[in-house]
Amino acid sequence: MTKSARLLAVLSTVVLALTTASAWSQDYKVGDRLPAAKAAAAKNATARNAPRTLVWDDLLPADWDPMAAFKGIDLNKLDDADPRATDALARMRKAWDAAPVNRSLDGQNVRIPGFIVSLDGGPDEIREFLLVPYFGACIHTPPPPANQIIHVMPDKPVKGIKNMAPAWVVGSLGVGQSDTPMGKSGYRLRAREVTPYKK
């Protein structure tokens, strides 16, 4: 694939993402997270060989500080044009793109709710996507830290679920970075099942 063809593919993905995200904006605002669904987790935990239901905080190492890049900087005293603000944001992005993962989750059978950011597919199916913890991530806002993005490869194309829709994803979670046009992920998930989100 040529450089211009790749650029065109990325631009069409972004346009599709923005268009379909607007359809969900009636239900969710940028930054909204899905409820933790504790009842679903408790019910799921009783089934034999059931996947472990995760919440997004489970993906974070206990000792990781996402604000470490801002230590010693009073952000309230900086305006957007201040070179120190630009430098702090660049340091934060670099740190977040390399954010450490929770290695104890590697290889686990999991179930997690999130929002879909399509990477490959068409109007009727999604063949590859990022799963993110809040509405608008990677589309309306900068990407979250890599340890809050899961690169999902479904076993079969996902039909009936649109871009930026909330979904439950079930499969084998692995540790491993992916660099995509929509953000860098710290996890990969081979999905056996992708279904519309229900509490």
N, C-alpha and C. Protein backbone atom coordinates (compact mmCIF):
# COMPACT_ATOMS: atom_id res chain seq x y z
N MET A 1 0.85 -1.18 0.00
CA MET A 1 0.00 0.00 0.00
C MET A 1 0.89 1.24 0.00
N THR A 2 0.60 2.20 -0.87
CA THR A 2 1.39 3.42 -0.95
C THR A 2 1.10 4.33 0.23
N LYS A 3 1.98 5.32 0.41
CA LYS A 3 1.79 6.28 1.51
C LYS A 3 0.47 7.02 1.36
N SER A 4 0.16 7.46 0.14
CA SER A 4 -1.08 8.22 -0.07
C SER A 4 -2.31 7.33 0.16
N ALA A 5 -2.22 6.05 -0.21
CA ALA A 5 -3.34 5.14 0.03
C ALA A 5 -3.54 4.92 1.52
N ARG A 6 -2.43 4.80 2.28
CA ARG A 6 -2.54 4.64 3.73
C ARG A 6 -3.15 5.89 4.35
N LEU A 7 -2.70 7.07 3.90
CA LEU A 7 -3.24 8.32 4.42
C LEU A 7 -4.73 8.42 4.13
N LEU A 8 -5.13 8.05 2.91
CA LEU A 8 -6.54 8.08 2.55
C LEU A 8 -7.35 7.13 3.43
N ALA A 9 -6.80 5.94 3.70
CA ALA A 9 -7.49 4.97 4.56
C ALA A 9 -7.66 5.52 5.97
N VAL A 10 -6.60 6.16 6.51
CA VAL A 10 -6.67 6.75 7.85
C VAL A 10 -7.71 7.87 7.87
N LEU A 11 -7.69 8.76 6.88
CA LEU A 11 -8.64 9.86 6.84
C LEU A 11 -10.08 9.36 6.74
N SER A 12 -10.31 8.33 5.92
CA SER A 12 -11.68 7.80 5.81
C SER A 12 -12.13 7.17 7.12
N THR A 13 -11.20 6.54 7.85
CA THR A 13 -11.53 5.97 9.17
C THR A 13 -11.92 7.08 10.14
N VAL A 14 -11.16 8.18 10.13
CA VAL A 14 -11.45 9.31 11.03
C VAL A 14 -12.80 9.92 10.70
N VAL A 15 -13.08 10.12 9.40
CA VAL A 15 -14.37 10.70 8.99
C VAL A 15 -15.51 9.79 9.42
N LEU A 16 -15.36 8.47 9.17
CA LEU A 16 -16.39 7.50 9.59
C LEU A 16 -16.57 7.54 11.10
N ALA A 17 -15.46 7.64 11.83
CA ALA A 17 -15.52 7.67 13.29
C ALA A 17 -16.29 8.89 13.77
N LEU A 18 -15.99 10.05 13.20
CA LEU A 18 -16.67 11.28 13.62
C LEU A 18 -18.15 11.23 13.27
N THR A 19 -18.48 10.71 12.12
CA THR A 19 -19.88 10.62 11.68
C THR A 19 -20.68 9.70 12.58
N THR A 20 -20.17 8.51 12.84
CA THR A 20 -20.93 7.56 13.64
C THR A 20 -20.93 7.93 15.12
N ALA A 21 -19.88 8.60 15.59
CA ALA A 21 -19.85 9.02 16.99
C ALA A 21 -20.96 10.01 17.28
N SER A 22 -21.30 10.86 16.29
CA SER A 22 -22.34 11.84 16.52
C SER A 22 -23.70 11.18 16.77
N ALA A 23 -23.91 10.00 16.20
CA ALA A 23 -25.17 9.28 16.44
C ALA A 23 -25.29 8.85 17.88
N TRP A 24 -24.17 8.56 18.55
CA TRP A 24 -24.20 8.12 19.95
C TRP A 24 -24.19 9.29 20.92
N SER A 25 -23.93 10.52 20.42
CA SER A 25 -23.79 11.65 21.33
C SER A 25 -25.07 11.99 22.07
N GLN A 26 -26.21 11.47 21.59
CA GLN A 26 -27.46 11.70 22.31
C GLN A 26 -27.48 10.90 23.62
N ASP A 27 -26.81 9.75 23.62
CA ASP A 27 -26.80 8.89 24.79
C ASP A 27 -25.62 9.17 25.72
N TYR A 28 -24.49 9.59 25.15
CA TYR A 28 -23.26 9.77 25.92
C TYR A 28 -22.62 11.11 25.59
N LYS A 29 -21.97 11.68 26.59
CA LYS A 29 -21.18 12.90 26.39
C LYS A 29 -19.71 12.52 26.44
N VAL A 30 -18.86 13.31 25.80
CA VAL A 30 -17.43 13.03 25.80
C VAL A 30 -16.95 12.89 27.24
N GLY A 31 -16.26 11.80 27.50
CA GLY A 31 -15.75 11.52 28.84
C GLY A 31 -16.61 10.58 29.66
N ASP A 32 -17.86 10.32 29.22
CA ASP A 32 -18.72 9.40 29.96
C ASP A 32 -18.13 7.99 29.96
N ARG A 33 -18.22 7.34 31.14
CA ARG A 33 -17.79 5.94 31.28
C ARG A 33 -19.02 5.08 31.51
N LEU A 34 -18.87 3.81 31.22
CA LEU A 34 -19.95 2.86 31.47
C LEU A 34 -19.93 2.45 32.94
N PRO A 35 -21.10 2.18 33.53
CA PRO A 35 -21.11 1.70 34.92
C PRO A 35 -20.30 0.41 35.05
N ALA A 36 -19.77 0.18 36.22
CA ALA A 36 -18.89 -0.98 36.45
C ALA A 36 -19.62 -2.31 36.30
N ALA A 37 -20.93 -2.31 36.34
CA ALA A 37 -21.74 -3.52 36.15
C ALA A 37 -21.34 -4.62 37.13
N LYS A 38 -21.35 -4.27 38.43
CA LYS A 38 -20.96 -5.23 39.47
C LYS A 38 -21.89 -6.44 39.53
N ALA A 39 -23.18 -6.23 39.29
CA ALA A 39 -24.12 -7.35 39.32
C ALA A 39 -23.78 -8.35 38.22
N ALA A 40 -23.44 -7.84 37.04
CA ALA A 40 -23.08 -8.73 35.92
C ALA A 40 -21.79 -9.47 36.26
N ALA A 41 -20.87 -8.80 36.92
CA ALA A 41 -19.61 -9.44 37.30
C ALA A 41 -19.86 -10.55 38.31
N ALA A 42 -20.73 -10.30 39.30
CA ALA A 42 -21.02 -11.30 40.32
C ALA A 42 -21.72 -12.51 39.71
N LYS A 43 -22.68 -12.25 38.83
CA LYS A 43 -23.40 -13.34 38.17
C LYS A 43 -22.43 -14.15 37.31
N ASN A 44 -21.58 -13.44 36.58
CA ASN A 44 -20.63 -14.08 35.68
C ASN A 44 -19.60 -14.91 36.44
N ALA A 45 -19.22 -14.47 37.63
CA ALA A 45 -18.18 -15.14 38.41
C ALA A 45 -18.62 -16.53 38.88
N THR A 46 -19.93 -16.76 38.95
CA THR A 46 -20.40 -18.05 39.46
C THR A 46 -20.36 -19.16 38.39
N ALA A 47 -20.31 -18.79 37.12
CA ALA A 47 -20.28 -19.79 36.06
C ALA A 47 -18.89 -20.40 35.95
N ARG A 48 -18.86 -21.70 35.72
CA ARG A 48 -17.58 -22.41 35.60
C ARG A 48 -16.86 -21.97 34.32
N ASN A 49 -15.56 -21.74 34.43
CA ASN A 49 -14.73 -21.29 33.31
C ASN A 49 -15.19 -19.97 32.70
N ALA A 50 -15.96 -19.20 33.46
CA ALA A 50 -16.44 -17.91 32.95
C ALA A 50 -15.29 -16.93 32.87
N PRO A 51 -15.34 -16.02 31.91
CA PRO A 51 -14.29 -15.00 31.85
C PRO A 51 -14.36 -14.09 33.07
N ARG A 52 -13.21 -13.59 33.47
CA ARG A 52 -13.14 -12.65 34.59
C ARG A 52 -13.60 -11.28 34.10
N THR A 53 -14.61 -10.70 34.77
CA THR A 53 -15.09 -9.37 34.39
C THR A 53 -14.15 -8.32 34.97
N LEU A 54 -13.61 -7.49 34.06
CA LEU A 54 -12.67 -6.44 34.46
C LEU A 54 -13.34 -5.09 34.45
N VAL A 55 -12.82 -4.19 35.27
CA VAL A 55 -13.09 -2.76 35.15
C VAL A 55 -11.78 -2.14 34.68
N TRP A 56 -11.83 -0.95 34.16
CA TRP A 56 -10.65 -0.35 33.53
C TRP A 56 -9.50 -0.13 34.51
N ASP A 57 -9.81 0.12 35.76
CA ASP A 57 -8.75 0.30 36.76
C ASP A 57 -7.93 -0.97 36.95
N ASP A 58 -8.51 -2.14 36.65
CA ASP A 58 -7.77 -3.40 36.75
C ASP A 58 -6.57 -3.43 35.81
N LEU A 59 -6.62 -2.65 34.74
CA LEU A 59 -5.55 -2.64 33.75
C LEU A 59 -4.34 -1.80 34.19
N LEU A 60 -4.50 -1.02 35.24
CA LEU A 60 -3.44 -0.12 35.70
C LEU A 60 -2.56 -0.80 36.75
N PRO A 61 -1.24 -0.72 36.62
CA PRO A 61 -0.37 -1.20 37.71
C PRO A 61 -0.62 -0.34 38.95
N ALA A 62 -0.59 -0.94 40.11
CA ALA A 62 -0.91 -0.25 41.36
C ALA A 62 0.00 0.94 41.63
N ASP A 63 1.25 0.88 41.20
CA ASP A 63 2.21 1.94 41.52
C ASP A 63 2.38 2.97 40.41
N TRP A 64 1.55 2.93 39.37
CA TRP A 64 1.71 3.86 38.25
C TRP A 64 1.01 5.18 38.54
N ASP A 65 1.70 6.30 38.29
CA ASP A 65 1.15 7.63 38.49
C ASP A 65 0.99 8.30 37.13
N PRO A 66 -0.24 8.42 36.62
CA PRO A 66 -0.45 9.01 35.30
C PRO A 66 -0.09 10.49 35.22
N MET A 67 0.04 11.14 36.37
CA MET A 67 0.34 12.58 36.38
C MET A 67 1.81 12.86 36.66
N ALA A 68 2.66 11.85 36.62
CA ALA A 68 4.09 12.03 36.92
C ALA A 68 4.75 13.04 36.00
N ALA A 69 4.29 13.13 34.75
CA ALA A 69 4.88 14.07 33.79
C ALA A 69 4.64 15.52 34.20
N PHE A 70 3.69 15.76 35.09
CA PHE A 70 3.37 17.13 35.51
C PHE A 70 3.96 17.50 36.87
N LYS A 71 4.77 16.62 37.45
CA LYS A 71 5.35 16.91 38.77
C LYS A 71 6.13 18.23 38.72
N GLY A 72 5.87 19.08 39.70
CA GLY A 72 6.59 20.35 39.81
C GLY A 72 6.06 21.45 38.89
N ILE A 73 4.96 21.20 38.20
CA ILE A 73 4.40 22.21 37.30
C ILE A 73 3.01 22.57 37.80
N ASP A 74 2.78 23.87 37.99
CA ASP A 74 1.44 24.34 38.36
C ASP A 74 0.70 24.67 37.07
N LEU A 75 -0.10 23.73 36.59
CA LEU A 75 -0.78 23.89 35.31
C LEU A 75 -1.75 25.06 35.31
N ASN A 76 -2.26 25.44 36.49
CA ASN A 76 -3.19 26.57 36.57
C ASN A 76 -2.52 27.90 36.22
N LYS A 77 -1.19 27.94 36.29
CA LYS A 77 -0.47 29.19 36.00
C LYS A 77 0.04 29.25 34.56
N LEU A 78 -0.27 28.23 33.76
CA LEU A 78 0.21 28.20 32.38
C LEU A 78 -0.96 28.40 31.42
N ASP A 79 -0.74 29.24 30.39
CA ASP A 79 -1.77 29.31 29.35
C ASP A 79 -1.33 28.45 28.17
N ASP A 80 -2.22 28.25 27.23
CA ASP A 80 -1.95 27.33 26.13
C ASP A 80 -0.74 27.72 25.29
N ALA A 81 -0.43 29.01 25.22
CA ALA A 81 0.69 29.48 24.39
C ALA A 81 2.05 29.37 25.10
N ASP A 82 2.04 29.06 26.38
CA ASP A 82 3.28 28.97 27.15
C ASP A 82 4.08 27.76 26.69
N PRO A 83 5.35 27.94 26.32
CA PRO A 83 6.18 26.81 25.88
C PRO A 83 6.30 25.71 26.94
N ARG A 84 6.20 26.09 28.23
CA ARG A 84 6.26 25.09 29.30
C ARG A 84 5.04 24.17 29.25
N ALA A 85 3.87 24.72 28.87
CA ALA A 85 2.67 23.90 28.73
C ALA A 85 2.83 22.92 27.57
N THR A 86 3.36 23.40 26.47
CA THR A 86 3.59 22.53 25.30
C THR A 86 4.57 21.43 25.65
N ASP A 87 5.64 21.78 26.38
CA ASP A 87 6.64 20.80 26.79
C ASP A 87 6.03 19.76 27.74
N ALA A 88 5.21 20.23 28.69
CA ALA A 88 4.59 19.31 29.65
C ALA A 88 3.65 18.34 28.94
N LEU A 89 2.88 18.84 27.98
CA LEU A 89 1.97 17.97 27.24
C LEU A 89 2.73 16.95 26.39
N ALA A 90 3.84 17.38 25.80
CA ALA A 90 4.67 16.45 25.01
C ALA A 90 5.25 15.35 25.91
N ARG A 91 5.71 15.74 27.11
CA ARG A 91 6.25 14.75 28.06
C ARG A 91 5.15 13.79 28.51
N MET A 92 3.95 14.36 28.76
CA MET A 92 2.83 13.52 29.18
C MET A 92 2.46 12.52 28.08
N ARG A 93 2.38 12.98 26.84
CA ARG A 93 2.02 12.08 25.74
C ARG A 93 3.03 10.96 25.60
N LYS A 94 4.32 11.31 25.71
CA LYS A 94 5.38 10.29 25.61
C LYS A 94 5.25 9.27 26.74
N ALA A 95 5.00 9.76 27.96
CA ALA A 95 4.85 8.87 29.12
C ALA A 95 3.58 8.02 28.97
N TRP A 96 2.49 8.61 28.53
CA TRP A 96 1.24 7.87 28.39
C TRP A 96 1.31 6.83 27.28
N ASP A 97 2.03 7.15 26.20
CA ASP A 97 2.16 6.18 25.10
C ASP A 97 2.98 4.95 25.53
N ALA A 98 3.81 5.12 26.56
CA ALA A 98 4.62 4.02 27.07
C ALA A 98 4.14 3.55 28.44
N ALA A 99 2.89 3.87 28.78
CA ALA A 99 2.35 3.56 30.11
C ALA A 99 2.46 2.06 30.41
N PRO A 100 2.92 1.70 31.61
CA PRO A 100 3.08 0.29 31.96
C PRO A 100 1.73 -0.41 32.11
N VAL A 101 1.75 -1.71 31.88
CA VAL A 101 0.53 -2.52 31.95
C VAL A 101 0.55 -3.42 33.18
N ASN A 102 -0.59 -4.00 33.48
CA ASN A 102 -0.71 -4.96 34.57
C ASN A 102 -0.39 -6.35 33.99
N ARG A 103 0.84 -6.80 34.15
CA ARG A 103 1.29 -8.04 33.52
C ARG A 103 0.60 -9.28 34.09
N SER A 104 -0.01 -9.17 35.26
CA SER A 104 -0.71 -10.34 35.82
C SER A 104 -1.94 -10.71 35.01
N LEU A 105 -2.40 -9.81 34.12
CA LEU A 105 -3.57 -10.09 33.29
C LEU A 105 -3.22 -10.81 31.99
N ASP A 106 -1.93 -10.92 31.68
CA ASP A 106 -1.49 -11.51 30.42
C ASP A 106 -1.99 -12.95 30.29
N GLY A 107 -2.71 -13.23 29.21
CA GLY A 107 -3.21 -14.57 28.94
C GLY A 107 -4.53 -14.91 29.60
N GLN A 108 -5.12 -13.97 30.34
CA GLN A 108 -6.37 -14.28 31.04
C GLN A 108 -7.59 -14.20 30.12
N ASN A 109 -8.58 -15.02 30.44
CA ASN A 109 -9.87 -15.00 29.77
C ASN A 109 -10.69 -13.91 30.46
N VAL A 110 -11.02 -12.84 29.72
CA VAL A 110 -11.65 -11.67 30.35
C VAL A 110 -12.90 -11.23 29.60
N ARG A 111 -13.63 -10.38 30.30
CA ARG A 111 -14.83 -9.72 29.78
C ARG A 111 -14.76 -8.29 30.27
N ILE A 112 -14.88 -7.31 29.34
CA ILE A 112 -14.75 -5.91 29.73
C ILE A 112 -15.67 -5.04 28.86
N PRO A 113 -16.34 -4.05 29.47
CA PRO A 113 -17.16 -3.15 28.67
C PRO A 113 -16.36 -1.91 28.28
N GLY A 114 -16.66 -1.37 27.12
CA GLY A 114 -16.00 -0.14 26.68
C GLY A 114 -16.64 0.36 25.40
N PHE A 115 -16.01 1.39 24.84
CA PHE A 115 -16.50 1.99 23.60
C PHE A 115 -15.59 1.56 22.44
N ILE A 116 -16.21 1.30 21.31
CA ILE A 116 -15.49 0.81 20.13
C ILE A 116 -14.99 1.98 19.28
N VAL A 117 -13.71 1.93 18.92
CA VAL A 117 -13.13 2.88 17.97
C VAL A 117 -12.64 2.04 16.79
N SER A 118 -13.38 2.08 15.70
CA SER A 118 -13.10 1.22 14.56
C SER A 118 -11.77 1.56 13.90
N LEU A 119 -11.02 0.51 13.56
CA LEU A 119 -9.77 0.67 12.82
C LEU A 119 -9.89 0.11 11.41
N ASP A 120 -10.77 -0.88 11.24
CA ASP A 120 -10.90 -1.52 9.95
C ASP A 120 -12.31 -2.08 9.82
N GLY A 121 -12.95 -1.77 8.74
CA GLY A 121 -14.30 -2.27 8.52
C GLY A 121 -15.04 -1.35 7.58
N GLY A 122 -16.31 -1.55 7.50
CA GLY A 122 -17.16 -0.74 6.64
C GLY A 122 -18.39 -0.31 7.39
N PRO A 123 -19.42 0.13 6.66
CA PRO A 123 -20.62 0.59 7.33
C PRO A 123 -21.40 -0.52 8.04
N ASP A 124 -21.20 -1.77 7.63
CA ASP A 124 -21.99 -2.87 8.19
C ASP A 124 -21.21 -3.84 9.05
N GLU A 125 -19.89 -3.67 9.15
CA GLU A 125 -19.10 -4.58 9.97
C GLU A 125 -17.80 -3.92 10.41
N ILE A 126 -17.28 -4.42 11.52
CA ILE A 126 -16.00 -3.94 12.05
C ILE A 126 -15.09 -5.15 12.19
N ARG A 127 -13.90 -5.07 11.59
CA ARG A 127 -12.98 -6.22 11.61
C ARG A 127 -11.84 -6.05 12.62
N GLU A 128 -11.62 -4.83 13.06
CA GLU A 128 -10.54 -4.55 14.01
C GLU A 128 -10.88 -3.23 14.69
N PHE A 129 -10.62 -3.13 16.01
CA PHE A 129 -10.96 -1.89 16.70
C PHE A 129 -10.16 -1.73 17.98
N LEU A 130 -10.20 -0.51 18.49
CA LEU A 130 -9.68 -0.22 19.83
C LEU A 130 -10.87 -0.19 20.77
N LEU A 131 -10.69 -0.72 21.97
CA LEU A 131 -11.69 -0.60 23.02
C LEU A 131 -11.16 0.41 24.01
N VAL A 132 -11.97 1.43 24.32
CA VAL A 132 -11.53 2.52 25.19
C VAL A 132 -12.52 2.70 26.34
N PRO A 133 -12.07 3.31 27.45
CA PRO A 133 -12.90 3.36 28.65
C PRO A 133 -13.98 4.44 28.68
N TYR A 134 -13.86 5.46 27.83
CA TYR A 134 -14.85 6.53 27.88
C TYR A 134 -15.21 7.01 26.48
N PHE A 135 -16.41 7.55 26.38
CA PHE A 135 -16.94 8.02 25.10
C PHE A 135 -16.10 9.17 24.57
N GLY A 136 -15.76 9.09 23.28
CA GLY A 136 -15.01 10.16 22.62
C GLY A 136 -13.52 9.97 22.63
N ALA A 137 -13.01 9.01 23.40
CA ALA A 137 -11.56 8.78 23.45
C ALA A 137 -11.05 8.43 22.06
N CYS A 138 -9.94 9.03 21.67
CA CYS A 138 -9.27 8.80 20.38
C CYS A 138 -9.97 9.48 19.21
N ILE A 139 -11.16 10.02 19.43
CA ILE A 139 -11.89 10.68 18.33
C ILE A 139 -12.10 12.15 18.67
N HIS A 140 -12.81 12.41 19.77
CA HIS A 140 -13.08 13.80 20.18
C HIS A 140 -12.02 14.32 21.15
N THR A 141 -11.25 13.43 21.72
CA THR A 141 -10.22 13.82 22.70
C THR A 141 -8.93 13.07 22.36
N PRO A 142 -7.80 13.53 22.88
CA PRO A 142 -6.56 12.77 22.66
C PRO A 142 -6.69 11.36 23.24
N PRO A 143 -5.87 10.43 22.74
CA PRO A 143 -5.96 9.06 23.26
C PRO A 143 -5.63 8.99 24.74
N PRO A 144 -6.27 8.06 25.45
CA PRO A 144 -5.91 7.81 26.85
C PRO A 144 -4.51 7.19 26.91
N PRO A 145 -3.99 6.96 28.12
CA PRO A 145 -2.72 6.22 28.24
C PRO A 145 -2.84 4.85 27.58
N ALA A 146 -1.71 4.32 27.12
CA ALA A 146 -1.70 3.03 26.42
C ALA A 146 -2.28 1.91 27.29
N ASN A 147 -2.15 2.02 28.62
CA ASN A 147 -2.70 0.98 29.49
C ASN A 147 -4.20 1.12 29.71
N GLN A 148 -4.82 2.04 28.97
CA GLN A 148 -6.27 2.21 28.99
C GLN A 148 -6.84 2.06 27.59
N ILE A 149 -6.08 1.42 26.70
CA ILE A 149 -6.54 1.14 25.35
C ILE A 149 -6.25 -0.33 25.04
N ILE A 150 -7.26 -1.02 24.54
CA ILE A 150 -7.11 -2.44 24.16
C ILE A 150 -7.31 -2.56 22.66
N HIS A 151 -6.32 -3.11 21.97
CA HIS A 151 -6.42 -3.37 20.53
C HIS A 151 -7.12 -4.72 20.36
N VAL A 152 -8.32 -4.70 19.76
CA VAL A 152 -9.15 -5.90 19.68
C VAL A 152 -9.17 -6.44 18.24
N MET A 153 -8.90 -7.74 18.15
CA MET A 153 -8.99 -8.47 16.88
C MET A 153 -10.08 -9.53 17.06
N PRO A 154 -11.30 -9.28 16.56
CA PRO A 154 -12.37 -10.27 16.71
C PRO A 154 -12.10 -11.52 15.87
N ASP A 155 -12.56 -12.67 16.35
CA ASP A 155 -12.46 -13.91 15.59
C ASP A 155 -13.21 -13.84 14.28
N LYS A 156 -14.32 -13.07 14.28
CA LYS A 156 -15.09 -12.86 13.05
C LYS A 156 -15.55 -11.41 13.04
N PRO A 157 -15.82 -10.84 11.86
CA PRO A 157 -16.26 -9.44 11.80
C PRO A 157 -17.48 -9.19 12.69
N VAL A 158 -17.48 -8.04 13.33
CA VAL A 158 -18.57 -7.64 14.23
C VAL A 158 -19.65 -6.96 13.40
N LYS A 159 -20.85 -7.47 13.48
CA LYS A 159 -21.98 -6.89 12.74
C LYS A 159 -23.01 -6.36 13.74
N GLY A 160 -23.70 -5.30 13.36
CA GLY A 160 -24.77 -4.78 14.20
C GLY A 160 -24.31 -3.88 15.33
N ILE A 161 -23.02 -3.58 15.40
CA ILE A 161 -22.49 -2.65 16.40
C ILE A 161 -21.69 -1.60 15.65
N LYS A 162 -21.99 -0.36 15.87
CA LYS A 162 -21.36 0.74 15.14
C LYS A 162 -20.17 1.31 15.90
N ASN A 163 -19.43 2.14 15.20
CA ASN A 163 -18.30 2.85 15.80
C ASN A 163 -18.76 3.73 16.96
N MET A 164 -18.00 3.77 18.03
CA MET A 164 -18.24 4.52 19.27
C MET A 164 -19.43 3.98 20.07
N ALA A 165 -19.93 2.83 19.67
CA ALA A 165 -21.00 2.18 20.44
C ALA A 165 -20.40 1.51 21.67
N PRO A 166 -21.16 1.44 22.77
CA PRO A 166 -20.71 0.68 23.93
C PRO A 166 -20.91 -0.81 23.69
N ALA A 167 -19.94 -1.61 24.13
CA ALA A 167 -20.01 -3.05 23.89
C ALA A 167 -19.32 -3.82 25.01
N TRP A 168 -19.72 -5.08 25.16
CA TRP A 168 -19.00 -6.04 25.99
C TRP A 168 -18.09 -6.82 25.06
N VAL A 169 -16.84 -7.00 25.47
CA VAL A 169 -15.89 -7.77 24.67
C VAL A 169 -15.36 -8.90 25.55
N VAL A 170 -15.37 -10.12 25.00
CA VAL A 170 -14.93 -11.31 25.72
C VAL A 170 -13.84 -12.00 24.92
N GLY A 171 -12.75 -12.36 25.60
CA GLY A 171 -11.69 -13.08 24.91
C GLY A 171 -10.43 -13.17 25.73
N SER A 172 -9.35 -13.52 25.05
CA SER A 172 -8.06 -13.69 25.70
C SER A 172 -7.26 -12.40 25.63
N LEU A 173 -6.92 -11.87 26.81
CA LEU A 173 -6.20 -10.60 26.90
C LEU A 173 -4.70 -10.87 26.91
N GLY A 174 -3.98 -10.10 26.14
CA GLY A 174 -2.53 -10.22 26.11
C GLY A 174 -1.87 -8.88 26.30
N VAL A 175 -0.65 -8.91 26.80
CA VAL A 175 0.16 -7.70 26.95
C VAL A 175 0.94 -7.53 25.65
N GLY A 176 0.91 -6.35 25.09
CA GLY A 176 1.66 -6.09 23.87
C GLY A 176 1.22 -4.79 23.24
N GLN A 177 2.19 -3.97 22.86
CA GLN A 177 1.87 -2.66 22.29
C GLN A 177 1.45 -2.76 20.83
N SER A 178 0.52 -1.89 20.46
CA SER A 178 0.11 -1.69 19.07
C SER A 178 0.11 -0.19 18.83
N ASP A 179 0.62 0.22 17.69
CA ASP A 179 0.62 1.63 17.31
C ASP A 179 -0.35 1.79 16.15
N THR A 180 -1.49 2.42 16.41
CA THR A 180 -2.52 2.59 15.39
C THR A 180 -2.71 4.08 15.10
N PRO A 181 -3.39 4.42 14.01
CA PRO A 181 -3.64 5.84 13.71
C PRO A 181 -4.49 6.53 14.78
N MET A 182 -5.22 5.76 15.59
CA MET A 182 -6.11 6.36 16.59
C MET A 182 -5.51 6.36 18.00
N GLY A 183 -4.36 5.73 18.19
CA GLY A 183 -3.72 5.71 19.50
C GLY A 183 -2.87 4.48 19.71
N LYS A 184 -2.03 4.53 20.73
CA LYS A 184 -1.16 3.41 21.07
C LYS A 184 -1.80 2.61 22.20
N SER A 185 -1.85 1.31 22.02
CA SER A 185 -2.46 0.46 23.05
C SER A 185 -1.39 -0.38 23.72
N GLY A 186 -1.63 -0.71 24.99
CA GLY A 186 -0.72 -1.55 25.76
C GLY A 186 -1.20 -2.99 25.86
N TYR A 187 -2.43 -3.23 25.41
CA TYR A 187 -3.01 -4.57 25.48
C TYR A 187 -3.55 -4.97 24.12
N ARG A 188 -3.61 -6.29 23.91
CA ARG A 188 -4.25 -6.87 22.74
C ARG A 188 -5.26 -7.89 23.22
N LEU A 189 -6.35 -8.01 22.51
CA LEU A 189 -7.37 -8.96 22.91
C LEU A 189 -7.90 -9.69 21.67
N ARG A 190 -7.81 -11.00 21.70
CA ARG A 190 -8.41 -11.82 20.65
C ARG A 190 -9.84 -12.09 21.10
N ALA A 191 -10.82 -11.45 20.47
CA ALA A 191 -12.21 -11.49 20.93
C ALA A 191 -12.98 -12.66 20.34
N ARG A 192 -13.56 -13.45 21.21
CA ARG A 192 -14.47 -14.52 20.80
C ARG A 192 -15.88 -13.97 20.64
N GLU A 193 -16.16 -12.91 21.38
CA GLU A 193 -17.53 -12.40 21.44
C GLU A 193 -17.50 -10.89 21.62
N VAL A 194 -18.31 -10.18 20.82
CA VAL A 194 -18.50 -8.73 20.96
C VAL A 194 -20.00 -8.50 20.88
N THR A 195 -20.59 -7.99 21.97
CA THR A 195 -22.04 -7.82 22.02
C THR A 195 -22.38 -6.41 22.50
N PRO A 196 -23.57 -5.91 22.14
CA PRO A 196 -23.97 -4.58 22.62
C PRO A 196 -23.95 -4.53 24.15
N TYR A 197 -23.56 -3.39 24.68
CA TYR A 197 -23.45 -3.23 26.14
C TYR A 197 -24.83 -3.21 26.77
N LYS A 198 -24.97 -4.02 27.80
CA LYS A 198 -26.15 -3.99 28.67
C LYS A 198 -25.65 -4.13 30.07
N LYS A 199 -26.23 -3.41 31.01
CA LYS A 199 -25.79 -3.49 32.42
C LYS A 199 -26.00 -4.88 32.97
